PDB file of N, CA and C in Angstrom:
ATOM      1  N   MET A   1     -38.329 -82.703-106.159  1.00  0.00           N
ATOM      2  CA  MET A   1     -39.288 -83.513-105.432  1.00  0.00           C
ATOM      3  C   MET A   1     -40.030 -82.625-104.434  1.00  0.00           C
ATOM      4  N   THR A   2     -41.305 -82.865-104.284  1.00  0.00           N
ATOM      5  CA  THR A   2     -42.133 -82.118-103.339  1.00  0.00           C
ATOM      6  C   THR A   2     -41.810 -82.538-101.909  1.00  0.00           C
ATOM      7  N   THR A   3     -41.733 -81.567-101.029  1.00  0.00           N
ATOM      8  CA  THR A   3     -41.487 -81.825 -99.614  1.00  0.00           C
ATOM      9  C   THR A   3     -42.597 -81.185 -98.802  1.00  0.00           C
ATOM     10  N   ILE A   4     -43.195 -81.974 -97.909  1.00  0.00           N
ATOM     11  CA  ILE A   4     -44.224 -81.433 -97.028  1.00  0.00           C
ATOM     12  C   ILE A   4     -43.731 -81.478 -95.586  1.00  0.00           C
ATOM     13  N   GLY A   5     -44.179 -80.508 -94.813  1.00  0.00           N
ATOM     14  CA  GLY A   5     -43.895 -80.476 -93.388  1.00  0.00           C
ATOM     15  C   GLY A   5     -45.122 -80.922 -92.623  1.00  0.00           C
ATOM     16  N   ILE A   6     -44.914 -81.747 -91.633  1.00  0.00           N
ATOM     17  CA  ILE A   6     -46.011 -82.232 -90.795  1.00  0.00           C
ATOM     18  C   ILE A   6     -45.748 -81.771 -89.371  1.00  0.00           C
ATOM     19  N   ILE A   7     -46.761 -81.185 -88.759  1.00  0.00           N
ATOM     20  CA  ILE A   7     -46.657 -80.778 -87.361  1.00  0.00           C
ATOM     21  C   ILE A   7     -47.463 -81.773 -86.544  1.00  0.00           C
ATOM     22  N   GLY A   8     -46.774 -82.636 -85.824  1.00  0.00           N
ATOM     23  CA  GLY A   8     -47.427 -83.659 -85.007  1.00  0.00           C
ATOM     24  C   GLY A   8     -47.043 -85.048 -85.477  1.00  0.00           C
ATOM     25  N   GLY A   9     -46.510 -85.846 -84.563  1.00  0.00           N
ATOM     26  CA  GLY A   9     -45.965 -87.140 -84.943  1.00  0.00           C
ATOM     27  C   GLY A   9     -46.671 -88.346 -84.376  1.00  0.00           C
ATOM     28  N   LYS A  10     -47.980 -88.270 -84.233  1.00  0.00           N
ATOM     29  CA  LYS A  10     -48.733 -89.438 -83.765  1.00  0.00           C
ATOM     30  C   LYS A  10     -49.393 -90.135 -84.956  1.00  0.00           C
ATOM     31  N   LEU A  11     -50.506 -90.800 -84.726  1.00  0.00           N
ATOM     32  CA  LEU A  11     -51.130 -91.642 -85.747  1.00  0.00           C
ATOM     33  C   LEU A  11     -51.522 -90.879 -87.008  1.00  0.00           C
ATOM     34  N   HIS A  12     -52.139 -89.711 -86.882  1.00  0.00           N
ATOM     35  CA  HIS A  12     -52.525 -88.959 -88.080  1.00  0.00           C
ATOM     36  C   HIS A  12     -51.295 -88.540 -88.875  1.00  0.00           C
ATOM     37  N   GLY A  13     -50.232 -88.209 -88.185  1.00  0.00           N
ATOM     38  CA  GLY A  13     -48.984 -87.881 -88.866  1.00  0.00           C
ATOM     39  C   GLY A  13     -48.443 -89.068 -89.636  1.00  0.00           C
ATOM     40  N   PHE A  14     -48.597 -90.260 -89.067  1.00  0.00           N
ATOM     41  CA  PHE A  14     -48.158 -91.471 -89.762  1.00  0.00           C
ATOM     42  C   PHE A  14     -48.966 -91.675 -91.038  1.00  0.00           C
ATOM     43  N   GLU A  15     -50.273 -91.471 -90.964  1.00  0.00           N
ATOM     44  CA  GLU A  15     -51.121 -91.627 -92.147  1.00  0.00           C
ATOM     45  C   GLU A  15     -50.709 -90.663 -93.253  1.00  0.00           C
ATOM     46  N   VAL A  16     -50.489 -89.415 -92.893  1.00  0.00           N
ATOM     47  CA  VAL A  16     -50.077 -88.417 -93.888  1.00  0.00           C
ATOM     48  C   VAL A  16     -48.714 -88.789 -94.468  1.00  0.00           C
ATOM     49  N   THR A  17     -47.791 -89.224 -93.619  1.00  0.00           N
ATOM     50  CA  THR A  17     -46.461 -89.616 -94.078  1.00  0.00           C
ATOM     51  C   THR A  17     -46.536 -90.789 -95.042  1.00  0.00           C
ATOM     52  N   TYR A  18     -47.311 -91.793 -94.703  1.00  0.00           N
ATOM     53  CA  TYR A  18     -47.462 -92.971 -95.566  1.00  0.00           C
ATOM     54  C   TYR A  18     -47.968 -92.564 -96.946  1.00  0.00           C
ATOM     55  N   LEU A  19     -49.023 -91.753 -96.975  1.00  0.00           N
ATOM     56  CA  LEU A  19     -49.600 -91.333 -98.253  1.00  0.00           C
ATOM     57  C   LEU A  19     -48.652 -90.422 -99.029  1.00  0.00           C
ATOM     58  N   ALA A  20     -47.951 -89.557 -98.333  1.00  0.00           N
ATOM     59  CA  ALA A  20     -46.991 -88.677 -99.007  1.00  0.00           C
ATOM     60  C   ALA A  20     -45.861 -89.488 -99.638  1.00  0.00           C
ATOM     61  N   HIS A  21     -45.353 -90.471 -98.920  1.00  0.00           N
ATOM     62  CA  HIS A  21     -44.297 -91.317 -99.477  1.00  0.00           C
ATOM     63  C   HIS A  21     -44.804 -92.109-100.678  1.00  0.00           C
ATOM     64  N   LYS A  22     -46.035 -92.603-100.612  1.00  0.00           N
ATOM     65  CA  LYS A  22     -46.614 -93.314-101.767  1.00  0.00           C
ATOM     66  C   LYS A  22     -46.713 -92.397-102.981  1.00  0.00           C
ATOM     67  N   ALA A  23     -46.917 -91.105-102.736  1.00  0.00           N
ATOM     68  CA  ALA A  23     -47.022 -90.126-103.821  1.00  0.00           C
ATOM     69  C   ALA A  23     -45.648 -89.596-104.245  1.00  0.00           C
ATOM     70  N   GLY A  24     -44.583 -90.111-103.647  1.00  0.00           N
ATOM     71  CA  GLY A  24     -43.240 -89.706-104.028  1.00  0.00           C
ATOM     72  C   GLY A  24     -42.752 -88.419-103.392  1.00  0.00           C
ATOM     73  N   MET A  25     -43.327 -88.058-102.261  1.00  0.00           N
ATOM     74  CA  MET A  25     -42.941 -86.818-101.579  1.00  0.00           C
ATOM     75  C   MET A  25     -42.014 -87.103-100.404  1.00  0.00           C
ATOM     76  N   ASN A  26     -41.193 -86.125-100.083  1.00  0.00           N
ATOM     77  CA  ASN A  26     -40.400 -86.165 -98.856  1.00  0.00           C
ATOM     78  C   ASN A  26     -41.234 -85.591 -97.722  1.00  0.00           C
ATOM     79  N   VAL A  27     -40.960 -86.049 -96.497  1.00  0.00           N
ATOM     80  CA  VAL A  27     -41.715 -85.590 -95.330  1.00  0.00           C
ATOM     81  C   VAL A  27     -40.754 -85.107 -94.250  1.00  0.00           C
ATOM     82  N   VAL A  28     -41.018 -83.884 -93.766  1.00  0.00           N
ATOM     83  CA  VAL A  28     -40.269 -83.301 -92.658  1.00  0.00           C
ATOM     84  C   VAL A  28     -41.231 -83.191 -91.480  1.00  0.00           C
ATOM     85  N   LEU A  29     -40.871 -83.786 -90.362  1.00  0.00           N
ATOM     86  CA  LEU A  29     -41.720 -83.793 -89.171  1.00  0.00           C
ATOM     87  C   LEU A  29     -41.235 -82.777 -88.151  1.00  0.00           C
ATOM     88  N   VAL A  30     -42.194 -82.050 -87.570  1.00  0.00           N
ATOM     89  CA  VAL A  30     -41.927 -81.184 -86.424  1.00  0.00           C
ATOM     90  C   VAL A  30     -42.804 -81.677 -85.281  1.00  0.00           C
ATOM     91  N   ASP A  31     -42.192 -81.972 -84.145  1.00  0.00           N
ATOM     92  CA  ASP A  31     -42.944 -82.419 -82.972  1.00  0.00           C
ATOM     93  C   ASP A  31     -42.235 -81.898 -81.734  1.00  0.00           C
ATOM     94  N   ARG A  32     -42.992 -81.555 -80.723  1.00  0.00           N
ATOM     95  CA  ARG A  32     -42.384 -81.040 -79.491  1.00  0.00           C
ATOM     96  C   ARG A  32     -41.776 -82.152 -78.641  1.00  0.00           C
ATOM     97  N   ARG A  33     -42.173 -83.384 -78.893  1.00  0.00           N
ATOM     98  CA  ARG A  33     -41.623 -84.521 -78.145  1.00  0.00           C
ATOM     99  C   ARG A  33     -40.333 -85.014 -78.804  1.00  0.00           C
ATOM    100  N   GLU A  34     -39.390 -85.467 -77.999  1.00  0.00           N
ATOM    101  CA  GLU A  34     -38.106 -85.925 -78.529  1.00  0.00           C
ATOM    102  C   GLU A  34     -38.208 -87.235 -79.296  1.00  0.00           C
ATOM    103  N   LYS A  35     -39.172 -88.081 -78.934  1.00  0.00           N
ATOM    104  CA  LYS A  35     -39.301 -89.380 -79.594  1.00  0.00           C
ATOM    105  C   LYS A  35     -40.739 -89.620 -80.040  1.00  0.00           C
ATOM    106  N   PRO A  36     -41.211 -88.871 -81.041  1.00  0.00           N
ATOM    107  CA  PRO A  36     -42.575 -89.094 -81.514  1.00  0.00           C
ATOM    108  C   PRO A  36     -42.688 -90.445 -82.216  1.00  0.00           C
ATOM    109  N   LEU A  37     -43.893 -90.943 -82.269  1.00  0.00           N
ATOM    110  CA  LEU A  37     -44.179 -92.260 -82.839  1.00  0.00           C
ATOM    111  C   LEU A  37     -43.570 -92.452 -84.228  1.00  0.00           C
ATOM    112  N   ILE A  38     -43.642 -91.450 -85.084  1.00  0.00           N
ATOM    113  CA  ILE A  38     -43.264 -91.645 -86.486  1.00  0.00           C
ATOM    114  C   ILE A  38     -41.866 -91.131 -86.836  1.00  0.00           C
ATOM    115  N   ARG A  39     -41.034 -90.839 -85.860  1.00  0.00           N
ATOM    116  CA  ARG A  39     -39.740 -90.223 -86.139  1.00  0.00           C
ATOM    117  C   ARG A  39     -38.847 -91.062 -87.051  1.00  0.00           C
ATOM    118  N   LYS A  40     -39.049 -92.378 -87.090  1.00  0.00           N
ATOM    119  CA  LYS A  40     -38.183 -93.245 -87.893  1.00  0.00           C
ATOM    120  C   LYS A  40     -38.685 -93.453 -89.321  1.00  0.00           C
ATOM    121  N   VAL A  41     -39.863 -92.944 -89.638  1.00  0.00           N
ATOM    122  CA  VAL A  41     -40.394 -93.150 -90.994  1.00  0.00           C
ATOM    123  C   VAL A  41     -40.444 -91.862 -91.814  1.00  0.00           C
ATOM    124  N   VAL A  42     -39.988 -90.752 -91.250  1.00  0.00           N
ATOM    125  CA  VAL A  42     -39.962 -89.490 -91.992  1.00  0.00           C
ATOM    126  C   VAL A  42     -38.549 -89.262 -92.545  1.00  0.00           C
ATOM    127  N   ASP A  43     -38.439 -88.320 -93.453  1.00  0.00           N
ATOM    128  CA  ASP A  43     -37.143 -88.034 -94.065  1.00  0.00           C
ATOM    129  C   ASP A  43     -36.281 -87.110 -93.206  1.00  0.00           C
ATOM    130  N   ALA A  44     -36.916 -86.269 -92.399  1.00  0.00           N
ATOM    131  CA  ALA A  44     -36.190 -85.379 -91.485  1.00  0.00           C
ATOM    132  C   ALA A  44     -37.084 -85.089 -90.284  1.00  0.00           C
ATOM    133  N   PHE A  45     -36.459 -84.876 -89.124  1.00  0.00           N
ATOM    134  CA  PHE A  45     -37.208 -84.625 -87.893  1.00  0.00           C
ATOM    135  C   PHE A  45     -36.611 -83.434 -87.158  1.00  0.00           C
ATOM    136  N   HIS A  46     -37.495 -82.521 -86.712  1.00  0.00           N
ATOM    137  CA  HIS A  46     -37.099 -81.359 -85.921  1.00  0.00           C
ATOM    138  C   HIS A  46     -37.924 -81.350 -84.640  1.00  0.00           C
ATOM    139  N   CYS A  47     -37.247 -81.237 -83.502  1.00  0.00           N
ATOM    140  CA  CYS A  47     -37.921 -81.267 -82.207  1.00  0.00           C
ATOM    141  C   CYS A  47     -38.016 -79.858 -81.631  1.00  0.00           C
ATOM    142  N   PHE A  48     -39.224 -79.278 -81.697  1.00  0.00           N
ATOM    143  CA  PHE A  48     -39.507 -78.003 -81.048  1.00  0.00           C
ATOM    144  C   PHE A  48     -41.009 -77.784 -81.016  1.00  0.00           C
ATOM    145  N   ASP A  49     -41.445 -76.884 -80.144  1.00  0.00           N
ATOM    146  CA  ASP A  49     -42.856 -76.541 -79.995  1.00  0.00           C
ATOM    147  C   ASP A  49     -43.149 -75.347 -80.900  1.00  0.00           C
ATOM    148  N   VAL A  50     -43.988 -75.543 -81.915  1.00  0.00           N
ATOM    149  CA  VAL A  50     -44.248 -74.487 -82.901  1.00  0.00           C
ATOM    150  C   VAL A  50     -44.983 -73.293 -82.313  1.00  0.00           C
ATOM    151  N   VAL A  51     -45.712 -73.491 -81.225  1.00  0.00           N
ATOM    152  CA  VAL A  51     -46.422 -72.378 -80.597  1.00  0.00           C
ATOM    153  C   VAL A  51     -45.441 -71.506 -79.811  1.00  0.00           C
ATOM    154  N   ARG A  52     -44.489 -72.135 -79.161  1.00  0.00           N
ATOM    155  CA  ARG A  52     -43.506 -71.386 -78.363  1.00  0.00           C
ATOM    156  C   ARG A  52     -42.332 -70.861 -79.183  1.00  0.00           C
ATOM    157  N   GLU A  53     -42.057 -71.518 -80.311  1.00  0.00           N
ATOM    158  CA  GLU A  53     -40.925 -71.111 -81.146  1.00  0.00           C
ATOM    159  C   GLU A  53     -41.348 -70.973 -82.612  1.00  0.00           C
ATOM    160  N   PRO A  54     -42.261 -70.058 -82.910  1.00  0.00           N
ATOM    161  CA  PRO A  54     -42.757 -69.937 -84.288  1.00  0.00           C
ATOM    162  C   PRO A  54     -41.677 -69.535 -85.287  1.00  0.00           C
ATOM    163  N   GLU A  55     -40.632 -68.866 -84.823  1.00  0.00           N
ATOM    164  CA  GLU A  55     -39.567 -68.466 -85.742  1.00  0.00           C
ATOM    165  C   GLU A  55     -38.876 -69.671 -86.359  1.00  0.00           C
ATOM    166  N   LYS A  56     -38.778 -70.774 -85.619  1.00  0.00           N
ATOM    167  CA  LYS A  56     -38.192 -72.000 -86.172  1.00  0.00           C
ATOM    168  C   LYS A  56     -39.083 -72.569 -87.274  1.00  0.00           C
ATOM    169  N   LEU A  57     -40.392 -72.499 -87.067  1.00  0.00           N
ATOM    170  CA  LEU A  57     -41.320 -72.979 -88.093  1.00  0.00           C
ATOM    171  C   LEU A  57     -41.236 -72.109 -89.340  1.00  0.00           C
ATOM    172  N   ILE A  58     -41.123 -70.812 -89.149  1.00  0.00           N
ATOM    173  CA  ILE A  58     -41.003 -69.905 -90.291  1.00  0.00           C
ATOM    174  C   ILE A  58     -39.735 -70.220 -91.079  1.00  0.00           C
ATOM    175  N   GLN A  59     -38.638 -70.459 -90.380  1.00  0.00           N
ATOM    176  CA  GLN A  59     -37.382 -70.806 -91.044  1.00  0.00           C
ATOM    177  C   GLN A  59     -37.507 -72.139 -91.783  1.00  0.00           C
ATOM    178  N   LEU A  60     -38.104 -73.115 -91.140  1.00  0.00           N
ATOM    179  CA  LEU A  60     -38.292 -74.428 -91.758  1.00  0.00           C
ATOM    180  C   LEU A  60     -39.185 -74.341 -92.994  1.00  0.00           C
ATOM    181  N   SER A  61     -40.150 -73.442 -92.967  1.00  0.00           N
ATOM    182  CA  SER A  61     -41.104 -73.326 -94.075  1.00  0.00           C
ATOM    183  C   SER A  61     -40.435 -72.926 -95.388  1.00  0.00           C
ATOM    184  N   GLU A  62     -39.252 -72.355 -95.320  1.00  0.00           N
ATOM    185  CA  GLU A  62     -38.533 -71.970 -96.525  1.00  0.00           C
ATOM    186  C   GLU A  62     -38.084 -73.179 -97.335  1.00  0.00           C
ATOM    187  N   ASN A  63     -38.062 -74.357 -96.711  1.00  0.00           N
ATOM    188  CA  ASN A  63     -37.568 -75.564 -97.377  1.00  0.00           C
ATOM    189  C   ASN A  63     -38.641 -76.606 -97.638  1.00  0.00           C
ATOM    190  N   VAL A  64     -39.906 -76.262 -97.422  1.00  0.00           N
ATOM    191  CA  VAL A  64     -40.997 -77.203 -97.693  1.00  0.00           C
ATOM    192  C   VAL A  64     -42.020 -76.546 -98.609  1.00  0.00           C
ATOM    193  N   ASP A  65     -42.784 -77.387 -99.302  1.00  0.00           N
ATOM    194  CA  ASP A  65     -43.798 -76.885-100.230  1.00  0.00           C
ATOM    195  C   ASP A  65     -45.152 -76.680 -99.569  1.00  0.00           C
ATOM    196  N   ALA A  66     -45.406 -77.375 -98.475  1.00  0.00           N
ATOM    197  CA  ALA A  66     -46.676 -77.253 -97.747  1.00  0.00           C
ATOM    198  C   ALA A  66     -46.456 -77.705 -96.313  1.00  0.00           C
ATOM    199  N   ILE A  67     -47.301 -77.216 -95.418  1.00  0.00           N
ATOM    200  CA  ILE A  67     -47.260 -77.629 -94.013  1.00  0.00           C
ATOM    201  C   ILE A  67     -48.647 -78.113 -93.621  1.00  0.00           C
ATOM    202  N   ILE A  68     -48.687 -79.290 -92.988  1.00  0.00           N
ATOM    203  CA  ILE A  68     -49.957 -79.882 -92.573  1.00  0.00           C
ATOM    204  C   ILE A  68     -49.933 -80.081 -91.060  1.00  0.00           C
ATOM    205  N   PRO A  69     -50.789 -79.375 -90.312  1.00  0.00           N
ATOM    206  CA  PRO A  69     -50.859 -79.610 -88.866  1.00  0.00           C
ATOM    207  C   PRO A  69     -51.747 -80.817 -88.568  1.00  0.00           C
ATOM    208  N   VAL A  70     -51.194 -81.799 -87.902  1.00  0.00           N
ATOM    209  CA  VAL A  70     -51.964 -82.997 -87.518  1.00  0.00           C
ATOM    210  C   VAL A  70     -51.853 -83.179 -86.006  1.00  0.00           C
ATOM    211  N   ASN A  71     -52.406 -82.236 -85.280  1.00  0.00           N
ATOM    212  CA  ASN A  71     -52.259 -82.197 -83.829  1.00  0.00           C
ATOM    213  C   ASN A  71     -53.438 -82.854 -83.133  1.00  0.00           C
ATOM    214  N   GLU A  72     -53.583 -84.167 -83.327  1.00  0.00           N
ATOM    215  CA  GLU A  72     -54.686 -84.920 -82.732  1.00  0.00           C
ATOM    216  C   GLU A  72     -54.551 -85.090 -81.230  1.00  0.00           C
ATOM    217  N   ASN A  73     -53.381 -84.842 -80.688  1.00  0.00           N
ATOM    218  CA  ASN A  73     -53.160 -85.078 -79.264  1.00  0.00           C
ATOM    219  C   ASN A  73     -53.605 -83.918 -78.386  1.00  0.00           C
ATOM    220  N   LEU A  74     -54.205 -82.883 -78.971  1.00  0.00           N
ATOM    221  CA  LEU A  74     -54.707 -81.783 -78.152  1.00  0.00           C
ATOM    222  C   LEU A  74     -55.974 -82.201 -77.418  1.00  0.00           C
ATOM    223  N   PRO A  75     -56.076 -81.905 -76.123  1.00  0.00           N
ATOM    224  CA  PRO A  75     -57.322 -82.176 -75.406  1.00  0.00           C
ATOM    225  C   PRO A  75     -58.451 -81.304 -75.966  1.00  0.00           C
ATOM    226  N   ASN A  76     -59.682 -81.663 -75.677  1.00  0.00           N
ATOM    227  CA  ASN A  76     -60.833 -80.932 -76.204  1.00  0.00           C
ATOM    228  C   ASN A  76     -60.777 -79.444 -75.902  1.00  0.00           C
ATOM    229  N   ASN A  77     -60.268 -79.066 -74.755  1.00  0.00           N
ATOM    230  CA  ASN A  77     -60.226 -77.647 -74.414  1.00  0.00           C
ATOM    231  C   ASN A  77     -59.092 -76.907 -75.113  1.00  0.00           C
ATOM    232  N   LYS A  78     -58.345 -77.584 -75.931  1.00  0.00           N
ATOM    233  CA  LYS A  78     -57.248 -76.955 -76.658  1.00  0.00           C
ATOM    234  C   LYS A  78     -57.593 -76.719 -78.129  1.00  0.00           C
ATOM    235  N   THR A  79     -58.855 -76.823 -78.490  1.00  0.00           N
ATOM    236  CA  THR A  79     -59.259 -76.603 -79.875  1.00  0.00           C
ATOM    237  C   THR A  79     -58.826 -75.231 -80.352  1.00  0.00           C
ATOM    238  N   THR A  80     -58.894 -74.256 -79.488  1.00  0.00           N
ATOM    239  CA  THR A  80     -58.484 -72.902 -79.848  1.00  0.00           C
ATOM    240  C   THR A  80     -57.021 -72.874 -80.259  1.00  0.00           C
ATOM    241  N   ASP A  81     -56.167 -73.638 -79.568  1.00  0.00           N
ATOM    242  CA  ASP A  81     -54.755 -73.688 -79.937  1.00  0.00           C
ATOM    243  C   ASP A  81     -54.573 -74.254 -81.336  1.00  0.00           C
ATOM    244  N   ALA A  82     -55.342 -75.285 -81.685  1.00  0.00           N
ATOM    245  CA  ALA A  82     -55.260 -75.865 -83.025  1.00  0.00           C
ATOM    246  C   ALA A  82     -55.678 -74.845 -84.072  1.00  0.00           C
ATOM    247  N   CYS A  83     -56.734 -74.102 -83.802  1.00  0.00           N
ATOM    248  CA  CYS A  83     -57.189 -73.063 -84.729  1.00  0.00           C
ATOM    249  C   CYS A  83     -56.150 -71.958 -84.844  1.00  0.00           C
ATOM    250  N   THR A  84     -55.558 -71.589 -83.716  1.00  0.00           N
ATOM    251  CA  THR A  84     -54.524 -70.558 -83.723  1.00  0.00           C
ATOM    252  C   THR A  84     -53.328 -71.004 -84.548  1.00  0.00           C
ATOM    253  N   LEU A  85     -52.925 -72.259 -84.389  1.00  0.00           N
ATOM    254  CA  LEU A  85     -51.797 -72.787 -85.138  1.00  0.00           C
ATOM    255  C   LEU A  85     -52.084 -72.773 -86.635  1.00  0.00           C
ATOM    256  N   THR A  86     -53.261 -73.226 -87.022  1.00  0.00           N
ATOM    257  CA  THR A  86     -53.626 -73.236 -88.437  1.00  0.00           C
ATOM    258  C   THR A  86     -53.650 -71.819 -88.992  1.00  0.00           C
ATOM    259  N   TYR A  87     -54.208 -70.889 -88.237  1.00  0.00           N
ATOM    260  CA  TYR A  87     -54.234 -69.489 -88.664  1.00  0.00           C
ATOM    261  C   TYR A  87     -52.814 -68.957 -88.824  1.00  0.00           C
ATOM    262  N   MET A  88     -51.949 -69.257 -87.859  1.00  0.00           N
ATOM    263  CA  MET A  88     -50.575 -68.773 -87.917  1.00  0.00           C
ATOM    264  C   MET A  88     -49.869 -69.283 -89.167  1.00  0.00           C
ATOM    265  N   ILE A  89     -50.063 -70.543 -89.466  1.00  0.00           N
ATOM    266  CA  ILE A  89     -49.427 -71.112 -90.653  1.00  0.00           C
ATOM    267  C   ILE A  89     -49.925 -70.409 -91.909  1.00  0.00           C
ATOM    268  N   ASN A  90     -51.235 -70.242 -92.019  1.00  0.00           N
ATOM    269  CA  ASN A  90     -51.798 -69.573 -93.191  1.00  0.00           C
ATOM    270  C   ASN A  90     -51.352 -68.122 -93.291  1.00  0.00           C
ATOM    271  N   ARG A  91     -51.387 -67.418 -92.193  1.00  0.00           N
ATOM    272  CA  ARG A  91     -51.124 -65.975 -92.190  1.00  0.00           C
ATOM    273  C   ARG A  91     -49.655 -65.647 -92.407  1.00  0.00           C
ATOM    274  N   PHE A  92     -48.785 -66.296 -91.649  1.00  0.00           N
ATOM    275  CA  PHE A  92     -47.381 -65.918 -91.664  1.00  0.00           C
ATOM    276  C   PHE A  92     -46.545 -66.673 -92.686  1.00  0.00           C
ATOM    277  N   LEU A  93     -46.981 -67.839 -93.086  1.00  0.00           N
ATOM    278  CA  LEU A  93     -46.197 -68.618 -94.033  1.00  0.00           C
ATOM    279  C   LEU A  93     -46.794 -68.591 -95.430  1.00  0.00           C
ATOM    280  N   HIS A  94     -47.963 -67.997 -95.573  1.00  0.00           N
ATOM    281  CA  HIS A  94     -48.631 -67.855 -96.871  1.00  0.00           C
ATOM    282  C   HIS A  94     -48.844 -69.196 -97.570  1.00  0.00           C
ATOM    283  N   ILE A  95     -49.290 -70.178 -96.811  1.00  0.00           N
ATOM    284  CA  ILE A  95     -49.567 -71.496 -97.367  1.00  0.00           C
ATOM    285  C   ILE A  95     -51.046 -71.765 -97.209  1.00  0.00           C
ATOM    286  N   ASN A  96     -51.710 -72.146 -98.275  1.00  0.00           N
ATOM    287  CA  ASN A  96     -53.132 -72.487 -98.205  1.00  0.00           C
ATOM    288  C   ASN A  96     -53.277 -73.957 -97.865  1.00  0.00           C
ATOM    289  N   LEU A  97     -53.877 -74.223 -96.717  1.00  0.00           N
ATOM    290  CA  LEU A  97     -54.067 -75.611 -96.292  1.00  0.00           C
ATOM    291  C   LEU A  97     -55.439 -76.087 -96.666  1.00  0.00           C
TER     292      LEU A  97
END
C-alpha cells in the first residue's frame, strides 16, 4: 500500500488526508504541534519541527512513498521558509513534489 507523509496538520492537511484515504493510501502526519487538527484521522503521527530537526524527516522518509508539505499556517513573511522546506525535501530526500 502507498504511504504518503504530510507536513502540517491543519485544514489543507485534512484535505490531502481525506483524498489519500479515498485513494487507498496510508497517511503519516508530521506537525510541530502536539495536538494538530487532523491527528485523529491519520494512520500515524509524529510531533517535531522539520526545520529544526531535519534528520527526523530524513529518517521518516525511508518509510513513505512521497512527502507533501501543507504548511498553510505560515505568516506571509514566512514564504521563504516554505520554499526552503520544499527545496530541502526535494534535494535531500530525492522526492519530486
